[in-house]
Amino acid sequence: MLGALALNTGGLLVDNGWVRVFGGGSVTGGGLPSLAQVNRFPAYFDPVWHPATGLIVGHDVVGGVFALNGGDPAAAGRPGAPGQMTYFAPDTLEWEAMEMGHSGWVSWLLSGQLETFYDGLRWPGWREEAAALALPQGISVYPFLWSKEAHADLAATSRRPVPMREVIGVAADFARQMGPSDPGFLGDV
């Protein structure tokens, strides 16, 4: 599945664009970045290079990161087994094991189970807000998703479109400062 997405698609937009799955990237400006760009692959083939902590394979618009674990997830501070999917959750600032491989994850994304997974992270009107974003954008939520204010009343938060790099960067910065540990590399978007 991973190879098919990378070779045959620019990527996938799931659930009105809420989840972005990286593939070969878009050939036009303003599209999804490629799997290679997000993970900073070398410009030329290097047989010994590999992503140090795993492979970033998707983002959601509020700063969640989906990664495929590398060979030693514990050394990277990630739960789960090698080759399993993990999710960096913007409402807890922690990695969560997903207990499935990449192919199972793609099938799960398309199975209609995202409503349950994102329970507590979506507000009335989220579909329209996600669908209106340009592909390089995400949604900045304030108070932040990990705050007690957002947990108490997500509908009362302030939201605005910002560059996805900012959404991911803010989550990473807060995780380093306040979270249980440094989340590590979350992708180059």
C-alpha atoms as a PDB file:
ATOM      1  CA  MET A   1       0.000   0.000   0.000  1.00  0.00           C
ATOM      2  CA  LEU A   2       2.778   2.446   0.931  1.00  0.00           C
ATOM      3  CA  GLY A   3       4.585   1.924  -2.360  1.00  0.00           C
ATOM      4  CA  ALA A   4       1.365   2.173  -4.362  1.00  0.00           C
ATOM      5  CA  LEU A   5       0.519   5.506  -2.734  1.00  0.00           C
ATOM      6  CA  ALA A   6       4.025   6.877  -3.250  1.00  0.00           C
ATOM      7  CA  LEU A   7       4.267   5.783  -6.890  1.00  0.00           C
ATOM      8  CA  ASN A   8       0.718   6.236  -8.125  1.00  0.00           C
ATOM      9  CA  THR A   9      -0.867   9.115  -6.206  1.00  0.00           C
ATOM     10  CA  GLY A  10      -0.123  12.635  -5.090  1.00  0.00           C
ATOM     11  CA  GLY A  11      -1.583  11.574  -1.737  1.00  0.00           C
ATOM     12  CA  LEU A  12      -5.032  11.174  -0.248  1.00  0.00           C
ATOM     13  CA  LEU A  13      -7.436  13.602   1.394  1.00  0.00           C
ATOM     14  CA  VAL A  14      -9.737  11.796   3.804  1.00  0.00           C
ATOM     15  CA  ASP A  15     -12.826  13.056   5.630  1.00  0.00           C
ATOM     16  CA  ASN A  16     -13.241  16.413   3.863  1.00  0.00           C
ATOM     17  CA  GLY A  17      -9.468  16.928   3.941  1.00  0.00           C
ATOM     18  CA  TRP A  18      -9.189  16.477   7.738  1.00  0.00           C
ATOM     19  CA  VAL A  19      -6.517  13.782   7.231  1.00  0.00           C
ATOM     20  CA  ARG A  20      -3.784  14.112   4.604  1.00  0.00           C
ATOM     21  CA  VAL A  21      -1.988  10.902   3.591  1.00  0.00           C
ATOM     22  CA  PHE A  22       1.305  11.498   1.814  1.00  0.00           C
ATOM     23  CA  GLY A  23       2.074   9.852  -1.495  1.00  0.00           C
ATOM     24  CA  GLY A  24       4.216  10.961  -4.409  1.00  0.00           C
ATOM     25  CA  GLY A  25       3.252  14.614  -3.939  1.00  0.00           C
ATOM     26  CA  SER A  26       1.495  17.002  -6.235  1.00  0.00           C
ATOM     27  CA  VAL A  27       3.159  18.166  -9.419  1.00  0.00           C
ATOM     28  CA  THR A  28       1.565  21.586  -9.083  1.00  0.00           C
ATOM     29  CA  GLY A  29       2.360  24.234  -6.494  1.00  0.00           C
ATOM     30  CA  GLY A  30       0.177  24.300  -3.412  1.00  0.00           C
ATOM     31  CA  GLY A  31      -0.477  20.548  -3.434  1.00  0.00           C
ATOM     32  CA  LEU A  32       0.387  17.927  -0.861  1.00  0.00           C
ATOM     33  CA  PRO A  33       4.091  17.464  -0.224  1.00  0.00           C
ATOM     34  CA  SER A  34       5.531  14.100  -1.138  1.00  0.00           C
ATOM     35  CA  LEU A  35       6.415  11.371   1.319  1.00  0.00           C
ATOM     36  CA  ALA A  36      10.061  12.053   0.401  1.00  0.00           C
ATOM     37  CA  GLN A  37       9.755  15.804   1.115  1.00  0.00           C
ATOM     38  CA  VAL A  38       7.955  15.342   4.429  1.00  0.00           C
ATOM     39  CA  ASN A  39      10.601  12.867   5.606  1.00  0.00           C
ATOM     40  CA  ARG A  40      13.615  14.747   4.174  1.00  0.00           C
ATOM     41  CA  PHE A  41      14.800  11.936   1.934  1.00  0.00           C
ATOM     42  CA  PRO A  42      18.221  12.625   0.410  1.00  0.00           C
ATOM     43  CA  ALA A  43      18.171  14.154  -3.076  1.00  0.00           C
ATOM     44  CA  TYR A  44      20.117  11.200  -4.460  1.00  0.00           C
ATOM     45  CA  PHE A  45      19.793   7.518  -3.615  1.00  0.00           C
ATOM     46  CA  ASP A  46      21.820   6.548  -0.562  1.00  0.00           C
ATOM     47  CA  PRO A  47      21.578   2.818   0.232  1.00  0.00           C
ATOM     48  CA  VAL A  48      22.383   3.316   3.936  1.00  0.00           C
ATOM     49  CA  TRP A  49      19.984   6.212   4.599  1.00  0.00           C
ATOM     50  CA  HIS A  50      16.747   5.581   6.463  1.00  0.00           C
ATOM     51  CA  PRO A  51      14.436   7.785   8.516  1.00  0.00           C
ATOM     52  CA  ALA A  52      15.927   7.755  12.017  1.00  0.00           C
ATOM     53  CA  THR A  53      12.712   7.383  14.014  1.00  0.00           C
ATOM     54  CA  GLY A  54      10.245   6.113  11.464  1.00  0.00           C
ATOM     55  CA  LEU A  55       8.322   7.416   8.480  1.00  0.00           C
ATOM     56  CA  ILE A  56       5.807  10.264   8.706  1.00  0.00           C
ATOM     57  CA  VAL A  57       2.921   9.131   6.491  1.00  0.00           C
ATOM     58  CA  GLY A  58       0.117  11.577   7.317  1.00  0.00           C
ATOM     59  CA  HIS A  59      -1.057  14.636   9.213  1.00  0.00           C
ATOM     60  CA  ASP A  60      -4.431  15.858  10.314  1.00  0.00           C
ATOM     61  CA  VAL A  61      -5.397  19.509  10.114  1.00  0.00           C
ATOM     62  CA  VAL A  62      -5.153  20.127  13.875  1.00  0.00           C
ATOM     63  CA  GLY A  63      -1.569  18.902  14.255  1.00  0.00           C
ATOM     64  CA  GLY A  64      -1.933  15.166  14.666  1.00  0.00           C
ATOM     65  CA  VAL A  65       0.867  13.168  13.057  1.00  0.00           C
ATOM     66  CA  PHE A  66       0.673   9.597  11.774  1.00  0.00           C
ATOM     67  CA  ALA A  67       3.994   7.750  11.644  1.00  0.00           C
ATOM     68  CA  LEU A  68       5.126   4.265  10.740  1.00  0.00           C
ATOM     69  CA  ASN A  69       7.524   3.092  13.453  1.00  0.00           C
ATOM     70  CA  GLY A  70      11.121   2.396  12.545  1.00  0.00           C
ATOM     71  CA  GLY A  71      13.250  -0.481  13.792  1.00  0.00           C
ATOM     72  CA  ASP A  72      13.533   0.711  17.409  1.00  0.00           C
ATOM     73  CA  PRO A  73      10.458   2.704  18.444  1.00  0.00           C
ATOM     74  CA  ALA A  74      11.391   2.748  22.148  1.00  0.00           C
ATOM     75  CA  ALA A  75      14.706   4.462  21.369  1.00  0.00           C
ATOM     76  CA  ALA A  76      12.739   7.116  19.452  1.00  0.00           C
ATOM     77  CA  GLY A  77      10.318   7.600  22.366  1.00  0.00           C
ATOM     78  CA  ARG A  78       7.425   6.017  20.508  1.00  0.00           C
ATOM     79  CA  PRO A  79       5.102   3.251  21.652  1.00  0.00           C
ATOM     80  CA  GLY A  80       4.283   0.149  19.653  1.00  0.00           C
ATOM     81  CA  ALA A  81       6.266  -2.377  17.699  1.00  0.00           C
ATOM     82  CA  PRO A  82       8.531  -1.835  14.692  1.00  0.00           C
ATOM     83  CA  GLY A  83       6.452  -1.398  11.530  1.00  0.00           C
ATOM     84  CA  GLN A  84       3.309  -0.378  13.397  1.00  0.00           C
ATOM     85  CA  MET A  85       1.515   2.939  13.081  1.00  0.00           C
ATOM     86  CA  THR A  86       1.617   5.556  15.834  1.00  0.00           C
ATOM     87  CA  TYR A  87      -0.258   8.828  16.256  1.00  0.00           C
ATOM     88  CA  PHE A  88       1.049  12.019  17.860  1.00  0.00           C
ATOM     89  CA  ALA A  89      -2.117  13.405  19.460  1.00  0.00           C
ATOM     90  CA  PRO A  90      -2.423  17.215  19.654  1.00  0.00           C
ATOM     91  CA  ASP A  91      -4.822  16.983  22.609  1.00  0.00           C
ATOM     92  CA  THR A  92      -2.365  15.049  24.810  1.00  0.00           C
ATOM     93  CA  LEU A  93       0.991  15.928  23.183  1.00  0.00           C
ATOM     94  CA  GLU A  94       1.910  12.239  23.303  1.00  0.00           C
ATOM     95  CA  TRP A  95       2.473   9.406  20.843  1.00  0.00           C
ATOM     96  CA  GLU A  96      -0.169   6.664  20.884  1.00  0.00           C
ATOM     97  CA  ALA A  97       0.245   3.145  19.489  1.00  0.00           C
ATOM     98  CA  MET A  98      -2.303   2.260  16.830  1.00  0.00           C
ATOM     99  CA  GLU A  99      -1.575  -1.497  16.738  1.00  0.00           C
ATOM    100  CA  MET A 100      -1.818  -1.815  12.956  1.00  0.00           C
ATOM    101  CA  GLY A 101       0.507  -1.610   9.994  1.00  0.00           C
ATOM    102  CA  HIS A 102       0.351   0.941   7.195  1.00  0.00           C
ATOM    103  CA  SER A 103      -2.034  -1.029   4.949  1.00  0.00           C
ATOM    104  CA  GLY A 104      -4.387  -1.646   7.872  1.00  0.00           C
ATOM    105  CA  TRP A 105      -4.201   2.059   8.728  1.00  0.00           C
ATOM    106  CA  VAL A 106      -5.191   3.139   5.204  1.00  0.00           C
ATOM    107  CA  SER A 107      -8.096   0.683   5.255  1.00  0.00           C
ATOM    108  CA  TRP A 108      -9.092   1.977   8.696  1.00  0.00           C
ATOM    109  CA  LEU A 109      -9.008   5.606   7.450  1.00  0.00           C
ATOM    110  CA  LEU A 110     -11.474   4.686   4.722  1.00  0.00           C
ATOM    111  CA  SER A 111     -13.708   2.536   6.948  1.00  0.00           C
ATOM    112  CA  GLY A 112     -15.766   5.357   8.471  1.00  0.00           C
ATOM    113  CA  GLN A 113     -14.321   4.976  11.981  1.00  0.00           C
ATOM    114  CA  LEU A 114     -12.740   8.437  12.181  1.00  0.00           C
ATOM    115  CA  GLU A 115     -15.741   9.931  14.001  1.00  0.00           C
ATOM    116  CA  THR A 116     -14.961   7.770  17.026  1.00  0.00           C
ATOM    117  CA  PHE A 117     -11.192   8.316  16.790  1.00  0.00           C
ATOM    118  CA  TYR A 118     -11.593  12.105  16.664  1.00  0.00           C
ATOM    119  CA  ASP A 119     -14.318  12.303  19.309  1.00  0.00           C
ATOM    120  CA  GLY A 120     -13.467  15.359  21.404  1.00  0.00           C
ATOM    121  CA  LEU A 121     -11.262  16.925  18.698  1.00  0.00           C
ATOM    122  CA  ARG A 122     -13.991  18.128  16.348  1.00  0.00           C
ATOM    123  CA  TRP A 123     -16.540  20.898  16.713  1.00  0.00           C
ATOM    124  CA  PRO A 124     -19.763  21.822  14.928  1.00  0.00           C
ATOM    125  CA  GLY A 125     -18.799  23.023  11.439  1.00  0.00           C
ATOM    126  CA  TRP A 126     -15.436  21.204  11.312  1.00  0.00           C
ATOM    127  CA  ARG A 127     -16.227  19.673   7.909  1.00  0.00           C
ATOM    128  CA  GLU A 128     -16.695  23.061   6.251  1.00  0.00           C
ATOM    129  CA  GLU A 129     -13.574  24.486   7.913  1.00  0.00           C
ATOM    130  CA  ALA A 130     -11.429  21.524   6.848  1.00  0.00           C
ATOM    131  CA  ALA A 131     -12.804  21.494   3.297  1.00  0.00           C
ATOM    132  CA  ALA A 132     -12.090  25.229   2.875  1.00  0.00           C
ATOM    133  CA  LEU A 133      -8.369  24.891   3.670  1.00  0.00           C
ATOM    134  CA  ALA A 134      -5.678  25.115   1.036  1.00  0.00           C
ATOM    135  CA  LEU A 135      -3.504  21.981   1.136  1.00  0.00           C
ATOM    136  CA  PRO A 136      -0.538  23.712   2.824  1.00  0.00           C
ATOM    137  CA  GLN A 137      -2.835  24.913   5.633  1.00  0.00           C
ATOM    138  CA  GLY A 138      -4.052  23.500   8.917  1.00  0.00           C
ATOM    139  CA  ILE A 139      -6.318  24.848  11.658  1.00  0.00           C
ATOM    140  CA  SER A 140      -4.915  26.736  14.628  1.00  0.00           C
ATOM    141  CA  VAL A 141      -7.125  26.185  17.680  1.00  0.00           C
ATOM    142  CA  TYR A 142      -7.033  28.461  20.733  1.00  0.00           C
ATOM    143  CA  PRO A 143      -7.169  27.689  23.580  1.00  0.00           C
ATOM    144  CA  PHE A 144      -4.914  24.838  22.500  1.00  0.00           C
ATOM    145  CA  LEU A 145      -6.419  21.365  22.119  1.00  0.00           C
ATOM    146  CA  TRP A 146      -4.466  20.043  25.101  1.00  0.00           C
ATOM    147  CA  SER A 147      -5.798  22.773  27.434  1.00  0.00           C
ATOM    148  CA  LYS A 148      -8.529  22.171  29.989  1.00  0.00           C
ATOM    149  CA  GLU A 149     -10.563  24.969  28.340  1.00  0.00           C
ATOM    150  CA  ALA A 150     -10.596  23.179  24.985  1.00  0.00           C
ATOM    151  CA  HIS A 151     -11.400  19.860  26.665  1.00  0.00           C
ATOM    152  CA  ALA A 152     -14.328  21.528  28.464  1.00  0.00           C
ATOM    153  CA  ASP A 153     -15.864  23.254  25.410  1.00  0.00           C
ATOM    154  CA  LEU A 154     -14.242  22.728  22.024  1.00  0.00           C
ATOM    155  CA  ALA A 155     -17.046  24.620  20.263  1.00  0.00           C
ATOM    156  CA  ALA A 156     -16.059  27.788  22.157  1.00  0.00           C
ATOM    157  CA  THR A 157     -12.488  27.772  20.842  1.00  0.00           C
ATOM    158  CA  SER A 158     -11.186  30.252  18.311  1.00  0.00           C
ATOM    159  CA  ARG A 159      -9.971  28.722  15.057  1.00  0.00           C
ATOM    160  CA  ARG A 160      -8.254  30.034  11.967  1.00  0.00           C
ATOM    161  CA  PRO A 161      -6.400  28.682   8.947  1.00  0.00           C
ATOM    162  CA  VAL A 162      -2.603  28.928   9.223  1.00  0.00           C
ATOM    163  CA  PRO A 163       0.321  27.232   7.470  1.00  0.00           C
ATOM    164  CA  MET A 164       0.468  23.544   8.432  1.00  0.00           C
ATOM    165  CA  ARG A 165       4.104  24.052   9.407  1.00  0.00           C
ATOM    166  CA  GLU A 166       2.877  26.401  12.156  1.00  0.00           C
ATOM    167  CA  VAL A 167       0.270  23.937  13.463  1.00  0.00           C
ATOM    168  CA  ILE A 168       2.829  21.117  13.681  1.00  0.00           C
ATOM    169  CA  GLY A 169       5.529  23.416  15.066  1.00  0.00           C
ATOM    170  CA  VAL A 170       3.350  24.744  17.893  1.00  0.00           C
ATOM    171  CA  ALA A 171       2.357  21.215  18.937  1.00  0.00           C
ATOM    172  CA  ALA A 172       6.004  20.096  18.886  1.00  0.00           C
ATOM    173  CA  ASP A 173       7.171  23.140  20.870  1.00  0.00           C
ATOM    174  CA  PHE A 174       4.552  22.655  23.569  1.00  0.00           C
ATOM    175  CA  ALA A 175       5.272  18.923  23.756  1.00  0.00           C
ATOM    176  CA  ARG A 176       8.966  19.699  24.313  1.00  0.00           C
ATOM    177  CA  GLN A 177       8.188  22.311  26.973  1.00  0.00           C
ATOM    178  CA  MET A 178       5.207  20.775  28.751  1.00  0.00           C
ATOM    179  CA  GLY A 179       4.700  17.255  27.514  1.00  0.00           C
ATOM    180  CA  PRO A 180       6.142  14.097  28.922  1.00  0.00           C
ATOM    181  CA  SER A 181       8.935  14.075  26.300  1.00  0.00           C
ATOM    182  CA  ASP A 182      10.254  15.497  23.055  1.00  0.00           C
ATOM    183  CA  PRO A 183       8.054  14.114  20.254  1.00  0.00           C
ATOM    184  CA  GLY A 184      10.979  14.098  17.833  1.00  0.00           C
ATOM    185  CA  PHE A 185      10.653  14.733  14.127  1.00  0.00           C
ATOM    186  CA  LEU A 186       7.040  15.385  13.064  1.00  0.00           C
ATOM    187  CA  GLY A 187       7.609  15.949   9.360  1.00  0.00           C
ATOM    188  CA  ASP A 188       8.720  18.791   7.150  1.00  0.00           C
ATOM    189  CA  VAL A 189       5.587  20.453   5.762  1.00  0.00           C
END
